Amino acid sequence: MSGAIDGFDWDDGNREHCAKHGVTATAVEALFGGLIDVFPDPGHSTAEEIRSIAVGRTA
């Protein structure tokens, strides 16, 4: 995956999912300011055509 991220569209479900794992939406957004690896993640969705997982680090 390449290109710039131009924004995030958070819904309540995503915010609750992050909070359940002890991660803030701000921390997730910070990942995209640094280097990340993106991989296909078809095992976590049967409803989405394309689903990916991003792995990175924040301060």
PDB file of N, CA and C in Angstrom:
ATOM      1  N   MET A   1       0.851  -1.180   0.000  1.00  0.00           N
ATOM      2  CA  MET A   1       0.000   0.000   0.000  1.00  0.00           C
ATOM      3  C   MET A   1       0.888   1.231   0.000  1.00  0.00           C
ATOM      4  N   SER A   2       0.543   2.185  -0.826  1.00  0.00           N
ATOM      5  CA  SER A   2       1.306   3.419  -0.833  1.00  0.00           C
ATOM      6  C   SER A   2       0.355   4.587  -0.957  1.00  0.00           C
ATOM      7  N   GLY A   3       0.856   5.761  -0.679  1.00  0.00           N
ATOM      8  CA  GLY A   3       0.029   6.959  -0.770  1.00  0.00           C
ATOM      9  C   GLY A   3      -0.134   7.603   0.586  1.00  0.00           C
ATOM     10  N   ALA A   4      -0.650   8.798   0.566  1.00  0.00           N
ATOM     11  CA  ALA A   4      -0.831   9.564   1.793  1.00  0.00           C
ATOM     12  C   ALA A   4      -2.223   9.333   2.354  1.00  0.00           C
ATOM     13  N   ILE A   5      -2.325   9.360   3.658  1.00  0.00           N
ATOM     14  CA  ILE A   5      -3.616   9.288   4.333  1.00  0.00           C
ATOM     15  C   ILE A   5      -4.127  10.716   4.453  1.00  0.00           C
ATOM     16  N   ASP A   6      -5.339  10.960   3.964  1.00  0.00           N
ATOM     17  CA  ASP A   6      -5.843  12.338   4.005  1.00  0.00           C
ATOM     18  C   ASP A   6      -6.918  12.544   5.063  1.00  0.00           C
ATOM     19  N   GLY A   7      -7.157  11.556   5.903  1.00  0.00           N
ATOM     20  CA  GLY A   7      -8.113  11.723   6.980  1.00  0.00           C
ATOM     21  C   GLY A   7      -8.635  10.387   7.477  1.00  0.00           C
ATOM     22  N   PHE A   8      -9.411  10.438   8.540  1.00  0.00           N
ATOM     23  CA  PHE A   8      -9.984   9.252   9.150  1.00  0.00           C
ATOM     24  C   PHE A   8     -11.467   9.469   9.345  1.00  0.00           C
ATOM     25  N   ASP A   9     -12.225   8.416   9.170  1.00  0.00           N
ATOM     26  CA  ASP A   9     -13.670   8.458   9.372  1.00  0.00           C
ATOM     27  C   ASP A   9     -13.997   7.448  10.464  1.00  0.00           C
ATOM     28  N   TRP A  10     -14.004   7.928  11.712  1.00  0.00           N
ATOM     29  CA  TRP A  10     -14.247   7.057  12.854  1.00  0.00           C
ATOM     30  C   TRP A  10     -15.730   6.983  13.146  1.00  0.00           C
ATOM     31  N   ASP A  11     -16.235   5.762  13.339  1.00  0.00           N
ATOM     32  CA  ASP A  11     -17.601   5.635  13.834  1.00  0.00           C
ATOM     33  C   ASP A  11     -17.535   5.129  15.276  1.00  0.00           C
ATOM     34  N   ASP A  12     -18.668   5.136  15.958  1.00  0.00           N
ATOM     35  CA  ASP A  12     -18.674   4.753  17.369  1.00  0.00           C
ATOM     36  C   ASP A  12     -18.173   3.327  17.577  1.00  0.00           C
ATOM     37  N   GLY A  13     -18.487   2.417  16.659  1.00  0.00           N
ATOM     38  CA  GLY A  13     -18.034   1.038  16.786  1.00  0.00           C
ATOM     39  C   GLY A  13     -16.527   0.935  16.767  1.00  0.00           C
ATOM     40  N   ASN A  14     -15.871   1.691  15.891  1.00  0.00           N
ATOM     41  CA  ASN A  14     -14.413   1.655  15.832  1.00  0.00           C
ATOM     42  C   ASN A  14     -13.791   2.241  17.090  1.00  0.00           C
ATOM     43  N   ARG A  15     -14.348   3.326  17.566  1.00  0.00           N
ATOM     44  CA  ARG A  15     -13.819   3.934  18.799  1.00  0.00           C
ATOM     45  C   ARG A  15     -13.950   2.970  19.977  1.00  0.00           C
ATOM     46  N   GLU A  16     -15.098   2.282  20.071  1.00  0.00           N
ATOM     47  CA  GLU A  16     -15.311   1.325  21.160  1.00  0.00           C
ATOM     48  C   GLU A  16     -14.339   0.153  21.044  1.00  0.00           C
ATOM     49  N   HIS A  17     -14.072  -0.299  19.826  1.00  0.00           N
ATOM     50  CA  HIS A  17     -13.138  -1.403  19.605  1.00  0.00           C
ATOM     51  C   HIS A  17     -11.734  -1.006  20.064  1.00  0.00           C
ATOM     52  N   CYS A  18     -11.317   0.197  19.723  1.00  0.00           N
ATOM     53  CA  CYS A  18      -9.994   0.677  20.158  1.00  0.00           C
ATOM     54  C   CYS A  18      -9.930   0.745  21.680  1.00  0.00           C
ATOM     55  N   ALA A  19     -10.969   1.312  22.293  1.00  0.00           N
ATOM     56  CA  ALA A  19     -10.999   1.469  23.747  1.00  0.00           C
ATOM     57  C   ALA A  19     -10.954   0.109  24.439  1.00  0.00           C
ATOM     58  N   LYS A  20     -11.623  -0.883  23.856  1.00  0.00           N
ATOM     59  CA  LYS A  20     -11.624  -2.226  24.432  1.00  0.00           C
ATOM     60  C   LYS A  20     -10.205  -2.788  24.521  1.00  0.00           C
ATOM     61  N   HIS A  21      -9.356  -2.372  23.589  1.00  0.00           N
ATOM     62  CA  HIS A  21      -7.979  -2.841  23.568  1.00  0.00           C
ATOM     63  C   HIS A  21      -7.013  -1.857  24.228  1.00  0.00           C
ATOM     64  N   GLY A  22      -7.547  -0.806  24.854  1.00  0.00           N
ATOM     65  CA  GLY A  22      -6.715   0.152  25.571  1.00  0.00           C
ATOM     66  C   GLY A  22      -5.954   1.104  24.672  1.00  0.00           C
ATOM     67  N   VAL A  23      -6.479   1.334  23.459  1.00  0.00           N
ATOM     68  CA  VAL A  23      -5.809   2.201  22.487  1.00  0.00           C
ATOM     69  C   VAL A  23      -6.753   3.348  22.129  1.00  0.00           C
ATOM     70  N   THR A  24      -6.232   4.557  22.102  1.00  0.00           N
ATOM     71  CA  THR A  24      -7.058   5.696  21.709  1.00  0.00           C
ATOM     72  C   THR A  24      -7.062   5.860  20.191  1.00  0.00           C
ATOM     73  N   ALA A  25      -8.082   6.513  19.677  1.00  0.00           N
ATOM     74  CA  ALA A  25      -8.138   6.814  18.244  1.00  0.00           C
ATOM     75  C   ALA A  25      -6.945   7.676  17.845  1.00  0.00           C
ATOM     76  N   THR A  26      -6.527   8.572  18.724  1.00  0.00           N
ATOM     77  CA  THR A  26      -5.366   9.426  18.451  1.00  0.00           C
ATOM     78  C   THR A  26      -4.107   8.588  18.257  1.00  0.00           C
ATOM     79  N   ALA A  27      -3.926   7.559  19.075  1.00  0.00           N
ATOM     80  CA  ALA A  27      -2.754   6.684  18.946  1.00  0.00           C
ATOM     81  C   ALA A  27      -2.790   5.922  17.623  1.00  0.00           C
ATOM     82  N   VAL A  28      -3.961   5.455  17.239  1.00  0.00           N
ATOM     83  CA  VAL A  28      -4.090   4.746  15.961  1.00  0.00           C
ATOM     84  C   VAL A  28      -3.740   5.682  14.807  1.00  0.00           C
ATOM     85  N   GLU A  29      -4.256   6.888  14.842  1.00  0.00           N
ATOM     86  CA  GLU A  29      -3.964   7.863  13.783  1.00  0.00           C
ATOM     87  C   GLU A  29      -2.479   8.183  13.720  1.00  0.00           C
ATOM     88  N   ALA A  30      -1.802   8.207  14.878  1.00  0.00           N
ATOM     89  CA  ALA A  30      -0.367   8.512  14.914  1.00  0.00           C
ATOM     90  C   ALA A  30       0.451   7.455  14.174  1.00  0.00           C
ATOM     91  N   LEU A  31      -0.027   6.221  14.144  1.00  0.00           N
ATOM     92  CA  LEU A  31       0.668   5.168  13.403  1.00  0.00           C
ATOM     93  C   LEU A  31       0.905   5.565  11.955  1.00  0.00           C
ATOM     94  N   PHE A  32      -0.074   6.202  11.367  1.00  0.00           N
ATOM     95  CA  PHE A  32      -0.012   6.526   9.947  1.00  0.00           C
ATOM     96  C   PHE A  32       0.901   7.708   9.636  1.00  0.00           C
ATOM     97  N   GLY A  33       1.477   8.314  10.674  1.00  0.00           N
ATOM     98  CA  GLY A  33       2.459   9.374  10.474  1.00  0.00           C
ATOM     99  C   GLY A  33       3.869   8.834  10.344  1.00  0.00           C
ATOM    100  N   GLY A  34       4.046   7.542  10.611  1.00  0.00           N
ATOM    101  CA  GLY A  34       5.366   6.913  10.543  1.00  0.00           C
ATOM    102  C   GLY A  34       5.359   5.770   9.547  1.00  0.00           C
ATOM    103  N   LEU A  35       6.324   4.904   9.688  1.00  0.00           N
ATOM    104  CA  LEU A  35       6.422   3.749   8.802  1.00  0.00           C
ATOM    105  C   LEU A  35       5.482   2.654   9.272  1.00  0.00           C
ATOM    106  N   ILE A  36       4.719   2.107   8.356  1.00  0.00           N
ATOM    107  CA  ILE A  36       3.822   1.005   8.677  1.00  0.00           C
ATOM    108  C   ILE A  36       3.951  -0.080   7.609  1.00  0.00           C
ATOM    109  N   ASP A  37       3.649  -1.285   7.996  1.00  0.00           N
ATOM    110  CA  ASP A  37       3.522  -2.391   7.060  1.00  0.00           C
ATOM    111  C   ASP A  37       2.046  -2.740   6.982  1.00  0.00           C
ATOM    112  N   VAL A  38       1.551  -2.957   5.776  1.00  0.00           N
ATOM    113  CA  VAL A  38       0.143  -3.278   5.571  1.00  0.00           C
ATOM    114  C   VAL A  38       0.052  -4.645   4.903  1.00  0.00           C
ATOM    115  N   PHE A  39      -0.800  -5.497   5.475  1.00  0.00           N
ATOM    116  CA  PHE A  39      -0.970  -6.863   4.981  1.00  0.00           C
ATOM    117  C   PHE A  39      -2.456  -7.148   4.761  1.00  0.00           C
ATOM    118  N   PRO A  40      -2.779  -8.028   3.828  1.00  0.00           N
ATOM    119  CA  PRO A  40      -4.171  -8.461   3.683  1.00  0.00           C
ATOM    120  C   PRO A  40      -4.619  -9.167   4.968  1.00  0.00           C
ATOM    121  N   ASP A  41      -5.886  -9.004   5.325  1.00  0.00           N
ATOM    122  CA  ASP A  41      -6.432  -9.621   6.535  1.00  0.00           C
ATOM    123  C   ASP A  41      -7.822 -10.187   6.252  1.00  0.00           C
ATOM    124  N   PRO A  42      -7.918 -11.149   5.328  1.00  0.00           N
ATOM    125  CA  PRO A  42      -9.239 -11.667   4.954  1.00  0.00           C
ATOM    126  C   PRO A  42      -9.900 -12.496   6.051  1.00  0.00           C
ATOM    127  N   GLY A  43      -9.143 -12.987   7.004  1.00  0.00           N
ATOM    128  CA  GLY A  43      -9.695 -13.822   8.060  1.00  0.00           C
ATOM    129  C   GLY A  43     -10.565 -13.107   9.068  1.00  0.00           C
ATOM    130  N   HIS A  44     -10.558 -11.773   9.072  1.00  0.00           N
ATOM    131  CA  HIS A  44     -11.334 -11.023  10.056  1.00  0.00           C
ATOM    132  C   HIS A  44     -12.600 -10.392   9.500  1.00  0.00           C
ATOM    133  N   SER A  45     -12.968 -10.723   8.275  1.00  0.00           N
ATOM    134  CA  SER A  45     -14.196 -10.149   7.736  1.00  0.00           C
ATOM    135  C   SER A  45     -14.742 -11.017   6.619  1.00  0.00           C
ATOM    136  N   THR A  46     -16.036 -11.261   6.675  1.00  0.00           N
ATOM    137  CA  THR A  46     -16.702 -11.949   5.572  1.00  0.00           C
ATOM    138  C   THR A  46     -17.559 -10.966   4.781  1.00  0.00           C
ATOM    139  N   ALA A  47     -17.737  -9.747   5.313  1.00  0.00           N
ATOM    140  CA  ALA A  47     -18.605  -8.761   4.676  1.00  0.00           C
ATOM    141  C   ALA A  47     -17.847  -7.736   3.835  1.00  0.00           C
ATOM    142  N   GLU A  48     -16.548  -7.559   4.089  1.00  0.00           N
ATOM    143  CA  GLU A  48     -15.771  -6.548   3.377  1.00  0.00           C
ATOM    144  C   GLU A  48     -14.995  -7.197   2.238  1.00  0.00           C
ATOM    145  N   GLU A  49     -14.988  -6.534   1.080  1.00  0.00           N
ATOM    146  CA  GLU A  49     -14.259  -7.056  -0.071  1.00  0.00           C
ATOM    147  C   GLU A  49     -12.754  -7.020   0.172  1.00  0.00           C
ATOM    148  N   ILE A  50     -12.275  -5.914   0.714  1.00  0.00           N
ATOM    149  CA  ILE A  50     -10.846  -5.768   1.001  1.00  0.00           C
ATOM    150  C   ILE A  50     -10.699  -5.376   2.467  1.00  0.00           C
ATOM    151  N   ARG A  51      -9.920  -6.139   3.192  1.00  0.00           N
ATOM    152  CA  ARG A  51      -9.635  -5.793   4.581  1.00  0.00           C
ATOM    153  C   ARG A  51      -8.140  -5.949   4.785  1.00  0.00           C
ATOM    154  N   SER A  52      -7.540  -4.995   5.477  1.00  0.00           N
ATOM    155  CA  SER A  52      -6.100  -5.022   5.692  1.00  0.00           C
ATOM    156  C   SER A  52      -5.802  -4.815   7.163  1.00  0.00           C
ATOM    157  N   ILE A  53      -4.596  -5.169   7.552  1.00  0.00           N
ATOM    158  CA  ILE A  53      -4.097  -4.907   8.893  1.00  0.00           C
ATOM    159  C   ILE A  53      -2.817  -4.093   8.749  1.00  0.00           C
ATOM    160  N   ALA A  54      -2.679  -3.069   9.570  1.00  0.00           N
ATOM    161  CA  ALA A  54      -1.482  -2.225   9.547  1.00  0.00           C
ATOM    162  C   ALA A  54      -0.706  -2.454  10.830  1.00  0.00           C
ATOM    163  N   VAL A  55       0.609  -2.582  10.693  1.00  0.00           N
ATOM    164  CA  VAL A  55       1.472  -2.811  11.845  1.00  0.00           C
ATOM    165  C   VAL A  55       2.530  -1.714  11.853  1.00  0.00           C
ATOM    166  N   GLY A  56       2.678  -1.055  13.005  1.00  0.00           N
ATOM    167  CA  GLY A  56       3.668   0.006  13.118  1.00  0.00           C
ATOM    168  C   GLY A  56       3.918   0.337  14.574  1.00  0.00           C
ATOM    169  N   ARG A  57       4.682   1.389  14.805  1.00  0.00           N
ATOM    170  CA  ARG A  57       5.012   1.827  16.158  1.00  0.00           C
ATOM    171  C   ARG A  57       4.728   3.310  16.319  1.00  0.00           C
ATOM    172  N   THR A  58       4.407   3.674  17.535  1.00  0.00           N
ATOM    173  CA  THR A  58       4.264   5.087  17.878  1.00  0.00           C
ATOM    174  C   THR A  58       5.211   5.391  19.034  1.00  0.00           C
ATOM    175  N   ALA A  59       5.351   6.674  19.330  1.00  0.00           N
ATOM    176  CA  ALA A  59       6.209   7.065  20.446  1.00  0.00           C
ATOM    177  C   ALA A  59       5.611   6.567  21.738  1.00  0.00           C
TER     178      ALA A  59
END
